Amino acid sequence: MKSDSFAELIFLFTTVTAFCSLESRFAYKNLHNHRIQLLTLSQLIPINLSMLLSARQKGESAY
């Protein structure tokens, strides 16, 4: 059980890090093109967190 929560923490950390690095690239690209991206990747992070938490409450694996 402990290794499962540790694996979830690592998964969460890498997901958030990947989203943040991707978002910074998209933000730079959009600034360069003078376009506004409506749905940014930072808005997807809470969705991912809520999916992980709801799966945890049901006792299932989120991946």
PDB file of N, CA and C in Angstrom:
ATOM      1  N   MET A   1       0.832  -1.205   0.000  1.00  0.00           N
ATOM      2  CA  MET A   1       0.000   0.000   0.000  1.00  0.00           C
ATOM      3  C   MET A   1       0.866   1.255   0.000  1.00  0.00           C
ATOM      4  N   LYS A   2       1.972   1.176   0.770  1.00  0.00           N
ATOM      5  CA  LYS A   2       2.843   2.345   0.833  1.00  0.00           C
ATOM      6  C   LYS A   2       3.511   2.597  -0.518  1.00  0.00           C
ATOM      7  N   SER A   3       3.910   1.521  -1.196  1.00  0.00           N
ATOM      8  CA  SER A   3       4.564   1.695  -2.495  1.00  0.00           C
ATOM      9  C   SER A   3       3.589   2.251  -3.529  1.00  0.00           C
ATOM     10  N   ASP A   4       2.290   1.912  -3.393  1.00  0.00           N
ATOM     11  CA  ASP A   4       1.289   2.462  -4.306  1.00  0.00           C
ATOM     12  C   ASP A   4       1.182   3.974  -4.163  1.00  0.00           C
ATOM     13  N   SER A   5       1.134   4.457  -2.920  1.00  0.00           N
ATOM     14  CA  SER A   5       1.017   5.902  -2.724  1.00  0.00           C
ATOM     15  C   SER A   5       2.295   6.612  -3.171  1.00  0.00           C
ATOM     16  N   PHE A   6       3.449   5.964  -2.984  1.00  0.00           N
ATOM     17  CA  PHE A   6       4.710   6.545  -3.440  1.00  0.00           C
ATOM     18  C   PHE A   6       4.730   6.621  -4.967  1.00  0.00           C
ATOM     19  N   ALA A   7       4.237   5.571  -5.612  1.00  0.00           N
ATOM     20  CA  ALA A   7       4.172   5.570  -7.079  1.00  0.00           C
ATOM     21  C   ALA A   7       3.214   6.649  -7.576  1.00  0.00           C
ATOM     22  N   GLU A   8       2.107   6.843  -6.866  1.00  0.00           N
ATOM     23  CA  GLU A   8       1.158   7.893  -7.248  1.00  0.00           C
ATOM     24  C   GLU A   8       1.777   9.276  -7.094  1.00  0.00           C
ATOM     25  N   LEU A   9       2.560   9.469  -6.034  1.00  0.00           N
ATOM     26  CA  LEU A   9       3.234  10.759  -5.845  1.00  0.00           C
ATOM     27  C   LEU A   9       4.216  11.029  -6.973  1.00  0.00           C
ATOM     28  N   ILE A  10       4.984  10.024  -7.353  1.00  0.00           N
ATOM     29  CA  ILE A  10       5.945  10.187  -8.446  1.00  0.00           C
ATOM     30  C   ILE A  10       5.210  10.477  -9.751  1.00  0.00           C
ATOM     31  N   PHE A  11       4.119   9.739  -9.996  1.00  0.00           N
ATOM     32  CA  PHE A  11       3.320   9.958 -11.204  1.00  0.00           C
ATOM     33  C   PHE A  11       2.765  11.377 -11.238  1.00  0.00           C
ATOM     34  N   LEU A  12       2.255  11.829 -10.099  1.00  0.00           N
ATOM     35  CA  LEU A  12       1.691  13.169  -9.995  1.00  0.00           C
ATOM     36  C   LEU A  12       2.758  14.229 -10.255  1.00  0.00           C
ATOM     37  N   PHE A  13       3.929  14.055  -9.636  1.00  0.00           N
ATOM     38  CA  PHE A  13       5.013  15.023  -9.785  1.00  0.00           C
ATOM     39  C   PHE A  13       5.465  15.120 -11.239  1.00  0.00           C
ATOM     40  N   THR A  14       5.649  13.961 -11.889  1.00  0.00           N
ATOM     41  CA  THR A  14       6.103  13.992 -13.281  1.00  0.00           C
ATOM     42  C   THR A  14       5.034  14.568 -14.203  1.00  0.00           C
ATOM     43  N   THR A  15       3.765  14.269 -13.916  1.00  0.00           N
ATOM     44  CA  THR A  15       2.683  14.823 -14.735  1.00  0.00           C
ATOM     45  C   THR A  15       2.631  16.337 -14.628  1.00  0.00           C
ATOM     46  N   VAL A  16       2.698  16.847 -13.400  1.00  0.00           N
ATOM     47  CA  VAL A  16       2.648  18.296 -13.192  1.00  0.00           C
ATOM     48  C   VAL A  16       3.860  18.968 -13.822  1.00  0.00           C
ATOM     49  N   THR A  17       5.041  18.365 -13.664  1.00  0.00           N
ATOM     50  CA  THR A  17       6.256  18.936 -14.248  1.00  0.00           C
ATOM     51  C   THR A  17       6.164  18.976 -15.771  1.00  0.00           C
ATOM     52  N   ALA A  18       5.677  17.895 -16.358  1.00  0.00           N
ATOM     53  CA  ALA A  18       5.548  17.849 -17.820  1.00  0.00           C
ATOM     54  C   ALA A  18       4.545  18.891 -18.310  1.00  0.00           C
ATOM     55  N   PHE A  19       3.409  19.010 -17.622  1.00  0.00           N
ATOM     56  CA  PHE A  19       2.412  20.002 -18.014  1.00  0.00           C
ATOM     57  C   PHE A  19       2.966  21.414 -17.902  1.00  0.00           C
ATOM     58  N   CYS A  20       3.707  21.691 -16.830  1.00  0.00           N
ATOM     59  CA  CYS A  20       4.245  23.043 -16.650  1.00  0.00           C
ATOM     60  C   CYS A  20       5.260  23.377 -17.731  1.00  0.00           C
ATOM     61  N   SER A  21       6.125  22.428 -18.072  1.00  0.00           N
ATOM     62  CA  SER A  21       7.116  22.715 -19.106  1.00  0.00           C
ATOM     63  C   SER A  21       6.442  22.876 -20.466  1.00  0.00           C
ATOM     64  N   LEU A  22       5.433  22.049 -20.739  1.00  0.00           N
ATOM     65  CA  LEU A  22       4.699  22.201 -21.995  1.00  0.00           C
ATOM     66  C   LEU A  22       3.953  23.520 -22.042  1.00  0.00           C
ATOM     67  N   GLU A  23       3.359  23.883 -20.915  1.00  0.00           N
ATOM     68  CA  GLU A  23       2.594  25.134 -20.877  1.00  0.00           C
ATOM     69  C   GLU A  23       3.500  26.331 -21.143  1.00  0.00           C
ATOM     70  N   SER A  24       4.703  26.332 -20.572  1.00  0.00           N
ATOM     71  CA  SER A  24       5.595  27.472 -20.787  1.00  0.00           C
ATOM     72  C   SER A  24       5.982  27.574 -22.262  1.00  0.00           C
ATOM     73  N   ARG A  25       6.146  26.430 -22.921  1.00  0.00           N
ATOM     74  CA  ARG A  25       6.447  26.462 -24.360  1.00  0.00           C
ATOM     75  C   ARG A  25       5.269  27.018 -25.149  1.00  0.00           C
ATOM     76  N   PHE A  26       4.046  26.542 -24.811  1.00  0.00           N
ATOM     77  CA  PHE A  26       2.859  27.029 -25.512  1.00  0.00           C
ATOM     78  C   PHE A  26       2.636  28.513 -25.251  1.00  0.00           C
ATOM     79  N   ALA A  27       2.859  28.944 -24.014  1.00  0.00           N
ATOM     80  CA  ALA A  27       2.654  30.353 -23.676  1.00  0.00           C
ATOM     81  C   ALA A  27       3.619  31.229 -24.468  1.00  0.00           C
ATOM     82  N   TYR A  28       4.876  30.788 -24.600  1.00  0.00           N
ATOM     83  CA  TYR A  28       5.850  31.559 -25.374  1.00  0.00           C
ATOM     84  C   TYR A  28       5.427  31.611 -26.840  1.00  0.00           C
ATOM     85  N   LYS A  29       4.980  30.469 -27.361  1.00  0.00           N
ATOM     86  CA  LYS A  29       4.556  30.406 -28.756  1.00  0.00           C
ATOM     87  C   LYS A  29       3.349  31.314 -28.994  1.00  0.00           C
ATOM     88  N   ASN A  30       2.396  31.290 -28.065  1.00  0.00           N
ATOM     89  CA  ASN A  30       1.201  32.123 -28.213  1.00  0.00           C
ATOM     90  C   ASN A  30       1.529  33.601 -28.091  1.00  0.00           C
ATOM     91  N   LEU A  31       2.451  33.941 -27.190  1.00  0.00           N
ATOM     92  CA  LEU A  31       2.878  35.334 -27.084  1.00  0.00           C
ATOM     93  C   LEU A  31       3.536  35.775 -28.381  1.00  0.00           C
ATOM     94  N   HIS A  32       4.321  34.877 -28.951  1.00  0.00           N
ATOM     95  CA  HIS A  32       5.025  35.200 -30.184  1.00  0.00           C
ATOM     96  C   HIS A  32       4.041  35.395 -31.336  1.00  0.00           C
ATOM     97  N   ASN A  33       2.985  34.591 -31.366  1.00  0.00           N
ATOM     98  CA  ASN A  33       1.999  34.666 -32.451  1.00  0.00           C
ATOM     99  C   ASN A  33       0.848  35.612 -32.133  1.00  0.00           C
ATOM    100  N   HIS A  34       0.858  36.222 -30.951  1.00  0.00           N
ATOM    101  CA  HIS A  34      -0.209  37.125 -30.494  1.00  0.00           C
ATOM    102  C   HIS A  34      -1.566  36.423 -30.478  1.00  0.00           C
ATOM    103  N   ARG A  35      -1.555  35.165 -30.070  1.00  0.00           N
ATOM    104  CA  ARG A  35      -2.803  34.410 -29.947  1.00  0.00           C
ATOM    105  C   ARG A  35      -2.991  34.024 -28.496  1.00  0.00           C
ATOM    106  N   ILE A  36      -4.236  33.872 -28.093  1.00  0.00           N
ATOM    107  CA  ILE A  36      -4.535  33.454 -26.725  1.00  0.00           C
ATOM    108  C   ILE A  36      -5.089  32.034 -26.779  1.00  0.00           C
ATOM    109  N   GLN A  37      -4.475  31.160 -26.011  1.00  0.00           N
ATOM    110  CA  GLN A  37      -4.967  29.787 -25.951  1.00  0.00           C
ATOM    111  C   GLN A  37      -6.062  29.717 -24.886  1.00  0.00           C
ATOM    112  N   LEU A  38      -7.237  29.243 -25.263  1.00  0.00           N
ATOM    113  CA  LEU A  38      -8.378  29.273 -24.348  1.00  0.00           C
ATOM    114  C   LEU A  38      -8.225  28.267 -23.213  1.00  0.00           C
ATOM    115  N   LEU A  39      -7.894  27.038 -23.557  1.00  0.00           N
ATOM    116  CA  LEU A  39      -7.736  26.018 -22.521  1.00  0.00           C
ATOM    117  C   LEU A  39      -6.250  25.750 -22.342  1.00  0.00           C
ATOM    118  N   THR A  40      -5.682  26.284 -21.275  1.00  0.00           N
ATOM    119  CA  THR A  40      -4.261  26.074 -21.038  1.00  0.00           C
ATOM    120  C   THR A  40      -4.055  24.765 -20.296  1.00  0.00           C
ATOM    121  N   LEU A  41      -2.835  24.290 -20.321  1.00  0.00           N
ATOM    122  CA  LEU A  41      -2.545  23.011 -19.678  1.00  0.00           C
ATOM    123  C   LEU A  41      -2.655  23.091 -18.167  1.00  0.00           C
ATOM    124  N   SER A  42      -2.505  24.290 -17.613  1.00  0.00           N
ATOM    125  CA  SER A  42      -2.624  24.410 -16.159  1.00  0.00           C
ATOM    126  C   SER A  42      -4.052  24.142 -15.701  1.00  0.00           C
ATOM    127  N   GLN A  43      -5.027  24.315 -16.599  1.00  0.00           N
ATOM    128  CA  GLN A  43      -6.410  24.003 -16.247  1.00  0.00           C
ATOM    129  C   GLN A  43      -6.661  22.501 -16.269  1.00  0.00           C
ATOM    130  N   LEU A  44      -5.775  21.747 -16.919  1.00  0.00           N
ATOM    131  CA  LEU A  44      -5.947  20.298 -16.976  1.00  0.00           C
ATOM    132  C   LEU A  44      -5.376  19.607 -15.745  1.00  0.00           C
ATOM    133  N   ILE A  45      -4.464  20.277 -15.035  1.00  0.00           N
ATOM    134  CA  ILE A  45      -3.843  19.658 -13.862  1.00  0.00           C
ATOM    135  C   ILE A  45      -4.873  19.356 -12.768  1.00  0.00           C
ATOM    136  N   PRO A  46      -5.769  20.294 -12.395  1.00  0.00           N
ATOM    137  CA  PRO A  46      -6.778  19.942 -11.383  1.00  0.00           C
ATOM    138  C   PRO A  46      -7.702  18.814 -11.833  1.00  0.00           C
ATOM    139  N   ILE A  47      -7.964  18.717 -13.133  1.00  0.00           N
ATOM    140  CA  ILE A  47      -8.795  17.623 -13.641  1.00  0.00           C
ATOM    141  C   ILE A  47      -8.081  16.298 -13.394  1.00  0.00           C
ATOM    142  N   ASN A  48      -6.776  16.266 -13.670  1.00  0.00           N
ATOM    143  CA  ASN A  48      -5.991  15.063 -13.452  1.00  0.00           C
ATOM    144  C   ASN A  48      -5.948  14.709 -11.969  1.00  0.00           C
ATOM    145  N   LEU A  49      -5.787  15.713 -11.115  1.00  0.00           N
ATOM    146  CA  LEU A  49      -5.753  15.474  -9.670  1.00  0.00           C
ATOM    147  C   LEU A  49      -7.083  14.927  -9.178  1.00  0.00           C
ATOM    148  N   SER A  50      -8.182  15.480  -9.666  1.00  0.00           N
ATOM    149  CA  SER A  50      -9.491  15.010  -9.207  1.00  0.00           C
ATOM    150  C   SER A  50      -9.762  13.593  -9.693  1.00  0.00           C
ATOM    151  N   MET A  51      -9.299  13.260 -10.899  1.00  0.00           N
ATOM    152  CA  MET A  51      -9.460  11.891 -11.386  1.00  0.00           C
ATOM    153  C   MET A  51      -8.669  10.924 -10.526  1.00  0.00           C
ATOM    154  N   LEU A  52      -7.457  11.321 -10.148  1.00  0.00           N
ATOM    155  CA  LEU A  52      -6.611  10.470  -9.314  1.00  0.00           C
ATOM    156  C   LEU A  52      -7.231  10.276  -7.940  1.00  0.00           C
ATOM    157  N   LEU A  53      -7.768  11.355  -7.372  1.00  0.00           N
ATOM    158  CA  LEU A  53      -8.376  11.260  -6.045  1.00  0.00           C
ATOM    159  C   LEU A  53      -9.655  10.433  -6.064  1.00  0.00           C
ATOM    160  N   SER A  54     -10.469  10.594  -7.092  1.00  0.00           N
ATOM    161  CA  SER A  54     -11.715   9.824  -7.142  1.00  0.00           C
ATOM    162  C   SER A  54     -11.426   8.341  -7.342  1.00  0.00           C
ATOM    163  N   ALA A  55     -10.404   8.025  -8.130  1.00  0.00           N
ATOM    164  CA  ALA A  55     -10.029   6.624  -8.307  1.00  0.00           C
ATOM    165  C   ALA A  55      -9.472   6.055  -7.007  1.00  0.00           C
ATOM    166  N   ARG A  56      -8.767   6.895  -6.265  1.00  0.00           N
ATOM    167  CA  ARG A  56      -8.200   6.456  -4.982  1.00  0.00           C
ATOM    168  C   ARG A  56      -9.324   6.160  -3.988  1.00  0.00           C
ATOM    169  N   GLN A  57     -10.369   6.976  -3.988  1.00  0.00           N
ATOM    170  CA  GLN A  57     -11.489   6.761  -3.071  1.00  0.00           C
ATOM    171  C   GLN A  57     -12.249   5.485  -3.423  1.00  0.00           C
ATOM    172  N   LYS A  58     -12.318   5.157  -4.695  1.00  0.00           N
ATOM    173  CA  LYS A  58     -13.005   3.936  -5.110  1.00  0.00           C
ATOM    174  C   LYS A  58     -12.136   2.701  -4.890  1.00  0.00           C
ATOM    175  N   GLY A  59     -10.852   2.926  -4.633  1.00  0.00           N
ATOM    176  CA  GLY A  59      -9.934   1.809  -4.427  1.00  0.00           C
ATOM    177  C   GLY A  59      -9.386   1.242  -5.719  1.00  0.00           C
ATOM    178  N   GLU A  60      -9.456   2.019  -6.791  1.00  0.00           N
ATOM    179  CA  GLU A  60      -8.943   1.573  -8.078  1.00  0.00           C
ATOM    180  C   GLU A  60      -7.625   2.279  -8.365  1.00  0.00           C
ATOM    181  N   SER A  61      -6.939   1.786  -9.375  1.00  0.00           N
ATOM    182  CA  SER A  61      -5.720   2.452  -9.813  1.00  0.00           C
ATOM    183  C   SER A  61      -6.083   3.446 -10.907  1.00  0.00           C
ATOM    184  N   ALA A  62      -5.452   4.605 -10.878  1.00  0.00           N
ATOM    185  CA  ALA A  62      -5.805   5.659 -11.832  1.00  0.00           C
ATOM    186  C   ALA A  62      -5.101   5.472 -13.164  1.00  0.00           C
ATOM    187  N   TYR A  63      -4.095   4.598 -13.210  1.00  0.00           N
ATOM    188  CA  TYR A  63      -3.406   4.438 -14.484  1.00  0.00           C
ATOM    189  C   TYR A  63      -3.724   3.108 -15.111  1.00  0.00           C
TER     190      TYR A  63
END
